[in-house]
N, C-alpha and C. Protein backbone atom coordinates (compact mmCIF):
# COMPACT_ATOMS: atom_id res chain seq x y z
N UNK A 1 85.90 155.51 -4.22
CA UNK A 1 86.61 154.24 -4.90
C UNK A 1 87.30 154.56 -5.57
N UNK A 2 87.98 155.75 -6.14
CA UNK A 2 89.26 155.72 -6.42
C UNK A 2 90.16 155.57 -5.71
N UNK A 3 90.18 154.95 -4.38
CA UNK A 3 91.37 154.32 -3.66
C UNK A 3 91.67 152.81 -3.95
N UNK A 4 91.17 152.11 -4.84
CA UNK A 4 91.14 150.48 -5.10
C UNK A 4 92.30 150.47 -5.70
N UNK A 5 92.71 152.05 -7.24
CA UNK A 5 93.38 151.74 -8.25
C UNK A 5 94.53 151.60 -7.54
N UNK A 6 94.62 152.16 -5.93
CA UNK A 6 96.36 152.41 -5.62
C UNK A 6 96.44 151.10 -5.02
N UNK A 7 95.77 149.92 -4.36
CA UNK A 7 95.67 148.94 -3.82
C UNK A 7 96.85 147.68 -4.53
N UNK A 8 97.53 147.66 -3.52
CA UNK A 8 98.93 146.43 -4.19
C UNK A 8 98.56 145.47 -4.85
N UNK A 9 97.50 145.22 -4.76
CA UNK A 9 96.56 144.13 -5.79
C UNK A 9 96.26 144.44 -7.18
N UNK A 10 95.96 145.44 -7.16
CA UNK A 10 95.30 146.18 -8.43
C UNK A 10 96.20 147.60 -9.02
N UNK A 11 97.19 147.67 -8.38
CA UNK A 11 97.78 148.98 -8.78
C UNK A 11 99.17 147.87 -9.78
N UNK A 12 99.63 147.00 -8.99
CA UNK A 12 100.35 145.92 -9.11
C UNK A 12 100.56 144.88 -10.60
N UNK A 13 98.88 144.75 -10.08
CA UNK A 13 98.79 144.32 -11.64
C UNK A 13 97.77 144.81 -13.18
N UNK A 14 98.29 146.06 -13.16
CA UNK A 14 97.94 147.19 -14.02
C UNK A 14 96.82 147.56 -14.52
N UNK A 15 95.83 147.19 -13.36
CA UNK A 15 94.33 147.15 -14.21
C UNK A 15 94.15 148.83 -14.18
N UNK A 16 93.44 149.26 -15.27
CA UNK A 16 93.38 150.60 -15.62
C UNK A 16 91.62 151.51 -14.90
N UNK A 17 91.66 152.37 -14.76
CA UNK A 17 90.52 152.62 -14.45
C UNK A 17 89.10 152.80 -15.25
N UNK A 18 89.44 152.05 -15.92
CA UNK A 18 88.34 151.85 -17.29
C UNK A 18 87.98 150.83 -17.98
N UNK A 19 87.40 150.14 -18.76
CA UNK A 19 87.05 149.07 -19.21
C UNK A 19 86.49 147.67 -18.23
N UNK A 20 86.24 146.61 -19.35
CA UNK A 20 85.65 145.43 -18.29
C UNK A 20 86.45 144.65 -16.95
N UNK A 21 87.67 144.76 -16.94
CA UNK A 21 88.78 144.62 -16.14
C UNK A 21 88.11 145.90 -14.69
N UNK A 22 88.17 146.90 -14.57
CA UNK A 22 87.98 148.01 -14.21
C UNK A 22 86.42 147.30 -13.97
N UNK A 23 85.69 147.20 -14.44
CA UNK A 23 84.06 147.47 -13.54
C UNK A 23 84.33 145.73 -12.85
N UNK A 24 85.13 144.97 -13.32
CA UNK A 24 84.88 143.68 -12.40
C UNK A 24 86.01 144.20 -10.95
N UNK A 25 86.83 144.94 -11.05
CA UNK A 25 87.57 145.00 -9.64
C UNK A 25 86.16 146.28 -8.98
N UNK A 26 85.64 146.98 -9.68
CA UNK A 26 84.89 147.81 -8.97
C UNK A 26 83.85 146.79 -8.17
N UNK A 27 83.31 146.49 -9.21
CA UNK A 27 82.37 145.26 -8.02
C UNK A 27 82.47 144.48 -7.04
N UNK A 28 83.95 144.21 -7.16
CA UNK A 28 84.80 143.66 -6.39
C UNK A 28 85.73 144.57 -5.22
N UNK A 29 85.10 145.47 -5.05
CA UNK A 29 85.66 146.24 -4.39
C UNK A 29 86.68 146.44 -3.30
N UNK A 30 85.53 145.61 -2.28
CA UNK A 30 85.32 144.99 -1.14
C UNK A 30 86.61 143.90 -0.96
N UNK A 31 86.52 143.31 -1.77
CA UNK A 31 87.56 141.79 -1.31
C UNK A 31 89.15 142.57 -1.67
N UNK A 32 88.77 143.71 -2.98
CA UNK A 32 90.36 144.22 -2.59
C UNK A 32 90.33 145.58 -1.73
N UNK A 33 89.64 145.56 -0.99
CA UNK A 33 89.90 146.25 0.14
C UNK A 33 90.04 145.37 1.37
N UNK A 34 89.99 144.43 1.34
CA UNK A 34 89.94 143.54 2.91
C UNK A 34 90.96 142.73 2.17
N UNK A 35 91.68 142.14 1.02
CA UNK A 35 92.87 142.07 0.93
C UNK A 35 94.16 142.94 1.15
N UNK A 36 93.46 144.37 0.94
CA UNK A 36 94.72 145.03 1.47
C UNK A 36 94.77 145.03 2.71
N UNK A 37 93.70 145.35 3.88
CA UNK A 37 93.75 144.96 4.86
C UNK A 37 94.27 143.71 5.69
N UNK A 38 94.43 142.60 5.14
CA UNK A 38 94.85 141.28 4.71
C UNK A 38 97.01 141.71 4.82
N UNK A 39 96.60 142.75 3.84
CA UNK A 39 98.22 142.60 3.71
C UNK A 39 99.18 143.62 4.69
N UNK A 40 98.25 144.41 5.49
CA UNK A 40 98.70 145.14 6.29
C UNK A 40 98.61 144.26 7.65
N UNK A 41 97.89 143.29 8.00
CA UNK A 41 97.70 143.05 9.24
C UNK A 41 99.03 141.70 9.25
N UNK A 42 99.29 141.27 8.15
CA UNK A 42 100.51 140.64 8.59
C UNK A 42 101.74 141.27 7.79
N UNK A 43 101.92 142.32 7.34
CA UNK A 43 103.00 143.00 7.40
C UNK A 43 103.38 144.36 8.14
N UNK A 44 102.84 144.91 8.89
CA UNK A 44 102.66 145.60 10.18
C UNK A 44 101.49 145.25 11.08
N UNK A 45 101.66 144.11 11.83
CA UNK A 45 100.41 143.63 12.53
C UNK A 45 100.69 144.58 13.91
N UNK A 46 99.90 144.57 15.20
CA UNK A 46 99.97 145.07 15.97
C UNK A 46 100.67 144.13 16.87
N UNK A 47 101.04 143.02 16.92
CA UNK A 47 102.11 142.41 17.42
C UNK A 47 102.12 141.43 16.53
N UNK A 48 103.37 141.41 16.55
CA UNK A 48 104.30 141.64 15.40
C UNK A 48 105.22 140.01 16.11
N UNK A 49 105.09 139.68 17.18
CA UNK A 49 106.02 138.56 17.62
C UNK A 49 107.27 138.54 17.80
N UNK A 50 107.77 137.55 17.27
CA UNK A 50 109.49 137.92 17.13
C UNK A 50 109.73 138.84 15.79
N UNK A 51 108.83 138.81 14.95
CA UNK A 51 109.27 139.11 13.09
C UNK A 51 109.12 140.61 13.34
N UNK A 52 109.37 141.94 13.34
CA UNK A 52 109.49 143.18 13.34
C UNK A 52 108.97 143.53 12.09
N UNK A 53 108.21 144.64 11.66
CA UNK A 53 107.83 145.03 10.17
C UNK A 53 108.62 144.99 9.53
N UNK A 54 109.90 145.49 9.95
CA UNK A 54 111.31 145.50 8.23
C UNK A 54 111.29 144.19 8.43
N UNK A 55 111.71 143.11 8.91
CA UNK A 55 112.05 142.08 8.47
C UNK A 55 110.75 140.97 7.55
N UNK A 56 109.70 141.47 7.93
CA UNK A 56 108.34 141.09 7.16
C UNK A 56 108.53 141.51 5.90
N UNK A 57 108.55 143.07 5.96
CA UNK A 57 108.86 143.62 4.60
C UNK A 57 109.70 142.73 3.65
N UNK A 58 111.25 142.33 4.55
CA UNK A 58 112.27 141.95 3.64
C UNK A 58 111.83 140.77 2.70
N UNK A 59 111.05 139.82 3.94
CA UNK A 59 111.09 138.24 3.32
C UNK A 59 109.29 138.89 2.80
N UNK A 60 108.39 139.12 2.55
CA UNK A 60 107.54 139.56 1.34
C UNK A 60 108.40 140.00 0.26
N UNK A 61 109.24 140.85 -0.34
CA UNK A 61 110.25 141.07 -1.01
C UNK A 61 110.68 139.73 -1.29
N UNK A 62 111.20 139.34 -1.29
CA UNK A 62 112.20 137.99 -1.10
C UNK A 62 111.27 136.76 -1.84
N UNK A 63 109.95 136.65 -0.85
CA UNK A 63 108.95 135.84 -1.60
C UNK A 63 108.45 136.55 -3.24
N UNK A 64 108.24 137.60 -2.96
CA UNK A 64 107.93 137.89 -4.56
C UNK A 64 108.95 137.88 -5.41
N UNK A 65 109.98 138.42 -5.20
CA UNK A 65 111.52 137.74 -6.01
C UNK A 65 111.50 136.69 -6.43
N UNK A 66 111.00 135.29 -5.64
CA UNK A 66 111.18 133.78 -5.49
C UNK A 66 110.39 133.38 -7.07
N UNK A 67 109.23 134.14 -6.38
CA UNK A 67 107.92 134.07 -7.61
C UNK A 67 108.18 134.71 -8.95
N UNK A 68 109.36 135.54 -9.23
CA UNK A 68 109.52 136.25 -10.40
C UNK A 68 108.25 137.47 -10.31
N UNK A 69 108.14 138.18 -9.35
CA UNK A 69 107.81 139.80 -9.09
C UNK A 69 108.86 140.84 -8.82
N UNK A 70 109.33 141.07 -9.22
CA UNK A 70 110.37 142.02 -9.25
C UNK A 70 109.38 143.49 -8.59
N UNK A 71 108.54 143.76 -9.53
CA UNK A 71 108.22 145.08 -9.46
C UNK A 71 107.19 145.21 -7.78
N UNK A 72 106.76 143.69 -7.83
CA UNK A 72 105.97 142.98 -6.36
C UNK A 72 107.35 143.96 -5.18
N UNK A 73 107.95 142.77 -5.51
CA UNK A 73 109.34 142.73 -4.34
C UNK A 73 109.37 144.08 -4.17
N UNK A 74 109.74 144.98 -5.00
CA UNK A 74 110.11 146.80 -4.95
C UNK A 74 108.94 147.50 -3.90
N UNK A 75 108.18 146.93 -4.39
CA UNK A 75 106.73 147.49 -3.43
C UNK A 75 106.95 147.35 -2.02
N UNK A 76 106.97 145.94 -1.99
CA UNK A 76 106.98 145.81 -0.75
C UNK A 76 108.62 146.38 0.33
N UNK A 77 109.74 145.92 -0.26
CA UNK A 77 110.86 146.38 0.03
C UNK A 77 110.86 148.21 0.54
N UNK A 78 110.22 148.48 -0.02
CA UNK A 78 109.89 149.71 0.28
C UNK A 78 109.20 150.40 1.53
N UNK A 79 108.78 149.43 1.87
CA UNK A 79 107.89 149.46 3.22
C UNK A 79 109.13 149.39 4.52
N UNK A 80 110.25 149.13 4.22
CA UNK A 80 111.36 149.12 5.50
C UNK A 80 111.73 150.71 5.76
N UNK A 81 111.44 150.78 6.67
CA UNK A 81 112.12 152.15 7.67
C UNK A 81 113.95 151.74 7.89
N UNK A 82 114.30 150.48 7.97
CA UNK A 82 115.93 150.78 8.31
C UNK A 82 116.06 149.79 6.82
N UNK A 83 117.59 149.21 7.41
CA UNK A 83 118.19 148.51 6.50
C UNK A 83 119.05 146.96 6.96
N UNK A 84 118.24 146.95 8.35
CA UNK A 84 118.63 145.74 9.53
C UNK A 84 118.48 144.46 8.51
N UNK A 85 117.35 144.14 7.79
CA UNK A 85 117.04 143.12 6.96
C UNK A 85 117.00 143.41 5.65
N UNK A 86 117.48 144.60 4.92
CA UNK A 86 117.24 144.61 3.71
C UNK A 86 117.54 143.31 2.63
N UNK A 87 118.65 142.97 3.35
CA UNK A 87 119.72 142.55 2.64
C UNK A 87 118.86 140.76 2.54
N UNK A 88 117.89 140.40 3.30
CA UNK A 88 117.30 139.07 2.66
C UNK A 88 116.27 139.38 1.64
N UNK A 89 115.76 140.25 1.21
CA UNK A 89 114.66 140.65 0.15
C UNK A 89 115.24 140.03 -1.11
N UNK A 90 117.02 139.82 -0.93
CA UNK A 90 117.55 138.87 -2.18
C UNK A 90 117.87 137.39 -1.74
N UNK A 91 116.91 136.57 -2.52
CA UNK A 91 117.59 135.54 -2.64
C UNK A 91 118.29 134.55 -2.28
N UNK A 92 119.33 135.19 -2.77
CA UNK A 92 120.57 134.47 -2.80
C UNK A 92 121.55 134.85 -1.24
N UNK A 93 120.88 135.75 -0.48
CA UNK A 93 121.13 135.78 0.85
C UNK A 93 120.23 134.80 1.64
N UNK A 94 120.72 134.23 2.61
CA UNK A 94 120.76 132.86 2.90
C UNK A 94 120.36 133.06 4.97
N UNK A 95 120.37 134.18 5.34
CA UNK A 95 120.18 134.73 6.71
C UNK A 95 121.16 134.27 7.71
N UNK A 96 122.08 133.78 7.41
CA UNK A 96 123.07 133.10 8.04
C UNK A 96 123.44 134.37 8.95
N UNK A 97 123.74 135.84 8.39
CA UNK A 97 124.40 136.79 9.02
C UNK A 97 123.47 137.54 10.40
N UNK A 98 122.73 136.90 10.04
CA UNK A 98 121.32 137.82 10.78
C UNK A 98 121.24 136.53 12.24
N UNK A 99 121.34 135.42 11.77
CA UNK A 99 120.62 134.71 12.64
C UNK A 99 119.29 133.54 12.78
N UNK A 100 119.09 134.10 10.95
CA UNK A 100 118.16 133.94 10.48
C UNK A 100 118.02 132.21 9.51
N UNK A 101 118.84 132.18 9.54
CA UNK A 101 118.96 131.13 8.36
C UNK A 101 117.44 129.69 8.12
N UNK A 102 117.43 129.02 9.55
CA UNK A 102 116.22 127.93 9.51
C UNK A 102 115.13 129.00 9.68
N UNK A 103 114.81 130.41 9.58
CA UNK A 103 113.94 131.16 8.91
C UNK A 103 113.15 131.69 7.87
N UNK A 104 114.99 131.91 7.16
CA UNK A 104 114.90 132.19 5.64
C UNK A 104 114.51 130.64 4.94
N UNK A 105 115.59 129.33 5.26
CA UNK A 105 115.06 128.54 4.93
C UNK A 105 113.83 128.37 4.54
N UNK A 106 113.44 127.99 5.48
CA UNK A 106 111.92 127.61 5.96
C UNK A 106 110.80 128.39 4.79
N UNK A 107 111.16 129.81 5.15
CA UNK A 107 110.36 130.66 3.88
C UNK A 107 110.72 130.19 2.66
N UNK A 108 111.71 130.29 2.03
CA UNK A 108 111.95 129.82 0.79
C UNK A 108 111.46 128.72 0.63
N UNK A 109 111.69 127.27 1.60
CA UNK A 109 111.19 126.17 1.02
C UNK A 109 109.03 126.83 0.78
N UNK A 110 108.80 127.01 1.50
CA UNK A 110 107.42 127.60 1.72
C UNK A 110 106.76 127.93 0.52
N UNK A 111 107.80 128.79 -0.15
CA UNK A 111 107.32 129.83 -0.91
C UNK A 111 107.13 129.46 -2.31
N UNK A 112 108.38 128.64 -2.26
CA UNK A 112 108.95 128.06 -3.68
C UNK A 112 107.94 125.90 -3.76
N UNK A 113 108.07 125.74 -2.60
CA UNK A 113 107.61 124.10 -3.43
C UNK A 113 106.83 123.73 -1.55
N UNK A 114 105.52 124.57 -1.50
CA UNK A 114 104.68 124.32 -0.45
C UNK A 114 104.62 122.94 0.04
N UNK A 115 104.42 122.07 -1.50
CA UNK A 115 103.78 120.81 -1.55
C UNK A 115 104.55 120.11 -0.50
N UNK A 116 106.29 120.50 -0.55
CA UNK A 116 107.14 119.33 0.09
C UNK A 116 107.21 119.66 1.50
N UNK A 117 106.63 120.65 1.94
CA UNK A 117 106.61 120.62 3.68
C UNK A 117 106.19 120.01 4.63
N UNK A 118 107.14 119.15 5.25
CA UNK A 118 106.64 118.41 6.31
C UNK A 118 106.89 118.70 7.82
N UNK A 119 106.38 117.95 8.72
CA UNK A 119 105.97 118.31 10.06
C UNK A 119 107.86 118.66 10.21
N UNK A 120 108.73 117.44 9.65
CA UNK A 120 110.09 118.08 10.03
C UNK A 120 110.33 119.22 9.72
N UNK A 121 109.80 119.86 8.96
CA UNK A 121 110.33 121.58 9.13
C UNK A 121 109.91 122.43 10.29
N UNK A 122 108.93 121.91 10.61
CA UNK A 122 108.35 122.85 11.78
C UNK A 122 109.32 122.54 12.67
N UNK A 123 109.45 121.33 12.80
CA UNK A 123 110.51 121.32 14.36
C UNK A 123 112.02 121.39 14.47
N UNK A 124 111.96 121.78 12.64
CA UNK A 124 113.44 122.62 12.84
C UNK A 124 113.36 124.06 13.64
N UNK A 125 112.13 124.45 13.74
CA UNK A 125 111.67 126.01 13.68
C UNK A 125 111.69 125.52 14.74
N UNK A 126 111.15 124.73 15.80
CA UNK A 126 110.88 124.16 16.71
C UNK A 126 112.36 124.63 17.84
N UNK A 127 113.14 123.45 16.83
CA UNK A 127 114.37 123.41 17.84
C UNK A 127 115.20 124.14 17.61
N UNK A 128 115.09 125.27 16.49
CA UNK A 128 115.78 126.58 16.05
C UNK A 128 115.28 127.48 17.29
N UNK A 129 114.39 127.08 18.31
CA UNK A 129 113.84 128.56 19.36
C UNK A 129 112.97 128.76 19.13
N UNK A 130 112.11 128.74 17.76
CA UNK A 130 111.05 129.78 17.34
C UNK A 130 109.42 129.26 18.04
N UNK A 131 109.03 129.97 18.68
CA UNK A 131 107.72 129.86 19.50
C UNK A 131 106.82 129.51 18.51
N UNK A 132 106.22 128.50 19.24
CA UNK A 132 104.78 128.01 18.05
C UNK A 132 103.84 128.81 17.63
N UNK A 133 103.67 130.38 18.31
CA UNK A 133 102.85 131.64 17.42
C UNK A 133 103.88 132.34 16.43
N UNK A 134 105.30 132.24 16.62
CA UNK A 134 105.93 132.86 15.53
C UNK A 134 105.62 131.94 14.65
N UNK A 135 105.87 131.09 14.73
CA UNK A 135 106.09 129.79 13.11
C UNK A 135 104.70 129.97 12.83
N UNK A 136 103.80 130.66 13.36
CA UNK A 136 102.03 130.67 12.85
C UNK A 136 102.23 131.97 11.94
N UNK A 137 103.17 132.91 12.63
CA UNK A 137 102.94 134.24 11.65
C UNK A 137 103.78 134.20 10.87
N UNK A 138 104.86 133.55 10.67
CA UNK A 138 105.52 133.09 9.29
C UNK A 138 104.71 132.64 8.25
N UNK A 139 103.94 131.22 8.62
CA UNK A 139 102.80 130.60 7.57
C UNK A 139 101.76 131.53 7.47
N UNK A 140 101.38 132.38 8.11
CA UNK A 140 100.43 133.56 7.61
C UNK A 140 101.24 134.56 6.81
N UNK A 141 102.50 134.71 6.67
CA UNK A 141 102.90 135.94 5.86
C UNK A 141 103.29 135.20 4.98
N UNK A 142 103.23 134.02 4.30
CA UNK A 142 103.26 133.18 3.39
C UNK A 142 102.35 132.97 2.96
N UNK A 143 101.62 132.29 3.53
CA UNK A 143 99.93 132.05 2.95
C UNK A 143 99.50 133.69 2.14
N UNK A 144 99.49 134.58 2.64
CA UNK A 144 98.68 135.99 1.74
C UNK A 144 99.35 136.45 0.86
N UNK A 145 100.89 135.95 0.68
CA UNK A 145 101.27 136.45 -0.57
C UNK A 145 101.31 135.25 -2.00
N UNK A 146 101.07 134.18 -1.14
CA UNK A 146 100.81 133.03 -1.88
C UNK A 146 99.56 133.35 -2.74
N UNK A 147 98.65 134.27 -1.77
CA UNK A 147 97.14 134.89 -2.35
C UNK A 147 97.78 135.47 -3.27
N UNK A 148 98.12 137.00 -2.94
CA UNK A 148 98.29 137.84 -3.31
C UNK A 148 98.53 137.98 -4.84
N UNK A 149 99.60 137.26 -4.65
CA UNK A 149 100.31 137.42 -5.71
C UNK A 149 99.90 135.97 -6.83
N UNK A 150 99.43 134.98 -6.52
CA UNK A 150 98.03 134.71 -7.90
C UNK A 150 97.04 135.70 -7.70
N UNK A 151 96.35 136.40 -7.01
CA UNK A 151 95.19 137.45 -7.62
C UNK A 151 95.98 138.24 -8.21
N UNK A 152 97.23 139.00 -8.12
CA UNK A 152 97.82 139.85 -9.52
C UNK A 152 97.93 139.25 -10.57
N UNK A 153 98.44 137.82 -10.22
CA UNK A 153 98.48 137.62 -11.59
C UNK A 153 97.12 137.32 -12.45
N UNK A 154 96.29 136.64 -11.58
CA UNK A 154 94.82 136.64 -12.09
C UNK A 154 94.54 138.05 -13.18
N UNK A 155 94.66 138.97 -12.38
CA UNK A 155 94.18 140.25 -12.71
C UNK A 155 94.86 140.93 -13.77
N UNK A 156 96.35 140.27 -13.99
CA UNK A 156 97.29 140.56 -15.25
C UNK A 156 96.27 139.73 -16.29
N UNK A 157 96.27 138.77 -16.08
CA UNK A 157 95.51 137.90 -16.86
C UNK A 157 94.77 138.49 -18.03
N UNK A 158 93.87 139.20 -16.69
CA UNK A 158 92.44 139.89 -17.32
C UNK A 158 92.50 140.58 -18.43
N UNK A 159 93.56 141.60 -17.75
CA UNK A 159 93.71 142.39 -18.44
C UNK A 159 94.55 142.84 -19.86
N UNK A 160 95.43 141.68 -19.75
CA UNK A 160 95.93 141.39 -21.27
C UNK A 160 94.97 140.89 -22.01
N UNK A 161 93.53 139.98 -21.62
CA UNK A 161 92.82 139.49 -22.35
C UNK A 161 92.11 140.30 -23.14
N UNK A 162 91.53 141.64 -22.21
CA UNK A 162 90.78 142.17 -22.24
C UNK A 162 91.61 143.50 -23.07
N UNK A 163 93.01 143.24 -23.43
CA UNK A 163 93.33 144.78 -24.53
C UNK A 163 93.39 143.83 -25.40
């Protein structure tokens, strides 16, 4: 069970291995392990479609930064094997130089203002030549990050309250 302390959600929340939060995390170790498995599935799936793992890691780091999670962003950025997409981890980079302006704009909008996403946003991706399955892959990545970043924030709050 000692492996749960290195999982992204637990480690980035700063949960120690003892105390009431540690007890709660230990009781829910299966959830933490499934969360880590989901992270692997969206960041390095067997079928990446149009989005290689390095691009996914850069987008994950970007989304973490857009949500004020610099330490988490660094963790995701460290997953990149090359530098081709590294600049996209910076929210000030719009993706134009890599031909990914529509993708980056969509990912930023979903990460920042999901309630404002409309059918036109999906249509813009389709018009840019992005296949339906690859749009779903982008949405899966963003949805997972929304969940994980909120889980980390919740675990941090519990840790702070227990201190």
